[in-house]
Amino acid sequence: MAQQDRKKDFKKPVAPKVPPRPNIVFKPKNYVLFILGVITIGLGFLFLSRGSITLAPILLVAGYVILIPLSIILK
């Protein structure tokens, strides 16, 4: 009889509540913009290593400031 009383005293463990994940879904155009940004940045560093002081900064700024953030922001 003592065992039956013990079984009644124990409760099932409650799983902690997990907050829902935010829906971050990248579409193919996001990936294309990101890859274009990486290629643009790579070309910028390539031109910078060859001594270009006009085209290299333009490509780097376009990649870092325009293409990469645009690939993250656009839905």
C-alpha atoms as a PDB file:
ATOM      1  CA  MET A   1       0.000   0.000   0.000  1.00  0.00           C
ATOM      2  CA  ALA A   2       2.917   2.314   0.627  1.00  0.00           C
ATOM      3  CA  GLN A   3       4.030   1.924  -2.983  1.00  0.00           C
ATOM      4  CA  GLN A   4       0.674   3.080  -4.305  1.00  0.00           C
ATOM      5  CA  ASP A   5       0.903   6.252  -2.205  1.00  0.00           C
ATOM      6  CA  ARG A   6       4.375   6.985  -3.580  1.00  0.00           C
ATOM      7  CA  LYS A   7       3.179   6.735  -7.167  1.00  0.00           C
ATOM      8  CA  LYS A   8       0.490   9.311  -6.520  1.00  0.00           C
ATOM      9  CA  ASP A   9       2.993  11.782  -5.038  1.00  0.00           C
ATOM     10  CA  PHE A  10       5.205  11.948  -8.140  1.00  0.00           C
ATOM     11  CA  LYS A  11       4.182  14.181 -11.006  1.00  0.00           C
ATOM     12  CA  LYS A  12       5.323  13.940 -14.587  1.00  0.00           C
ATOM     13  CA  PRO A  13       8.233  16.263 -15.391  1.00  0.00           C
ATOM     14  CA  VAL A  14       7.153  19.309 -17.355  1.00  0.00           C
ATOM     15  CA  ALA A  15       9.224  20.178 -20.410  1.00  0.00           C
ATOM     16  CA  PRO A  16      10.466  23.784 -20.409  1.00  0.00           C
ATOM     17  CA  LYS A  17       8.722  26.049 -22.857  1.00  0.00           C
ATOM     18  CA  VAL A  18      10.869  26.868 -25.866  1.00  0.00           C
ATOM     19  CA  PRO A  19      10.258  30.250 -27.483  1.00  0.00           C
ATOM     20  CA  PRO A  20       9.320  30.021 -31.163  1.00  0.00           C
ATOM     21  CA  ARG A  21      12.071  30.609 -33.681  1.00  0.00           C
ATOM     22  CA  PRO A  22      11.815  33.648 -35.906  1.00  0.00           C
ATOM     23  CA  ASN A  23      11.013  32.866 -39.511  1.00  0.00           C
ATOM     24  CA  ILE A  24      14.180  33.688 -41.386  1.00  0.00           C
ATOM     25  CA  VAL A  25      13.808  32.246 -44.832  1.00  0.00           C
ATOM     26  CA  PHE A  26      16.219  33.196 -47.566  1.00  0.00           C
ATOM     27  CA  LYS A  27      14.919  32.881 -51.058  1.00  0.00           C
ATOM     28  CA  PRO A  28      17.101  32.200 -54.110  1.00  0.00           C
ATOM     29  CA  LYS A  29      17.414  35.905 -54.926  1.00  0.00           C
ATOM     30  CA  ASN A  30      18.901  36.479 -51.458  1.00  0.00           C
ATOM     31  CA  TYR A  31      21.549  33.866 -52.106  1.00  0.00           C
ATOM     32  CA  VAL A  32      22.284  35.291 -55.561  1.00  0.00           C
ATOM     33  CA  LEU A  33      22.736  38.797 -54.125  1.00  0.00           C
ATOM     34  CA  PHE A  34      24.978  37.449 -51.372  1.00  0.00           C
ATOM     35  CA  ILE A  35      27.155  35.540 -53.843  1.00  0.00           C
ATOM     36  CA  LEU A  36      27.362  38.625 -56.079  1.00  0.00           C
ATOM     37  CA  GLY A  37      28.446  40.630 -53.042  1.00  0.00           C
ATOM     38  CA  VAL A  38      31.171  38.133 -52.191  1.00  0.00           C
ATOM     39  CA  ILE A  39      32.381  38.093 -55.809  1.00  0.00           C
ATOM     40  CA  THR A  40      32.371  41.905 -55.899  1.00  0.00           C
ATOM     41  CA  ILE A  41      34.385  42.049 -52.680  1.00  0.00           C
ATOM     42  CA  GLY A  42      36.825  39.476 -54.037  1.00  0.00           C
ATOM     43  CA  LEU A  43      37.285  41.474 -57.233  1.00  0.00           C
ATOM     44  CA  GLY A  44      37.767  44.616 -55.160  1.00  0.00           C
ATOM     45  CA  PHE A  45      40.596  43.016 -53.196  1.00  0.00           C
ATOM     46  CA  LEU A  46      42.091  41.623 -56.398  1.00  0.00           C
ATOM     47  CA  PHE A  47      42.155  45.073 -58.003  1.00  0.00           C
ATOM     48  CA  LEU A  48      43.465  46.563 -54.768  1.00  0.00           C
ATOM     49  CA  SER A  49      46.394  44.141 -54.769  1.00  0.00           C
ATOM     50  CA  ARG A  50      47.196  45.170 -58.349  1.00  0.00           C
ATOM     51  CA  GLY A  51      47.358  48.830 -57.382  1.00  0.00           C
ATOM     52  CA  SER A  52      43.997  50.198 -58.485  1.00  0.00           C
ATOM     53  CA  ILE A  53      43.041  53.085 -56.241  1.00  0.00           C
ATOM     54  CA  THR A  54      39.805  54.007 -58.018  1.00  0.00           C
ATOM     55  CA  LEU A  55      38.000  50.811 -59.048  1.00  0.00           C
ATOM     56  CA  ALA A  56      38.933  48.737 -55.977  1.00  0.00           C
ATOM     57  CA  PRO A  57      37.291  51.002 -53.366  1.00  0.00           C
ATOM     58  CA  ILE A  58      34.163  51.307 -55.501  1.00  0.00           C
ATOM     59  CA  LEU A  59      33.838  47.526 -55.729  1.00  0.00           C
ATOM     60  CA  LEU A  60      34.531  47.046 -52.028  1.00  0.00           C
ATOM     61  CA  VAL A  61      31.975  49.646 -50.974  1.00  0.00           C
ATOM     62  CA  ALA A  62      29.413  48.213 -53.384  1.00  0.00           C
ATOM     63  CA  GLY A  63      29.943  44.749 -51.947  1.00  0.00           C
ATOM     64  CA  TYR A  64      30.079  45.605 -48.244  1.00  0.00           C
ATOM     65  CA  VAL A  65      27.582  48.461 -48.112  1.00  0.00           C
ATOM     66  CA  ILE A  66      25.077  47.647 -50.844  1.00  0.00           C
ATOM     67  CA  LEU A  67      24.975  44.001 -51.955  1.00  0.00           C
ATOM     68  CA  ILE A  68      25.550  42.099 -48.703  1.00  0.00           C
ATOM     69  CA  PRO A  69      23.052  44.150 -46.619  1.00  0.00           C
ATOM     70  CA  LEU A  70      20.564  44.057 -49.493  1.00  0.00           C
ATOM     71  CA  SER A  71      20.764  40.263 -49.568  1.00  0.00           C
ATOM     72  CA  ILE A  72      19.914  40.161 -45.862  1.00  0.00           C
ATOM     73  CA  ILE A  73      17.183  42.817 -45.861  1.00  0.00           C
ATOM     74  CA  LEU A  74      15.135  41.886 -48.934  1.00  0.00           C
ATOM     75  CA  LYS A  75      12.311  39.401 -48.492  1.00  0.00           C
END
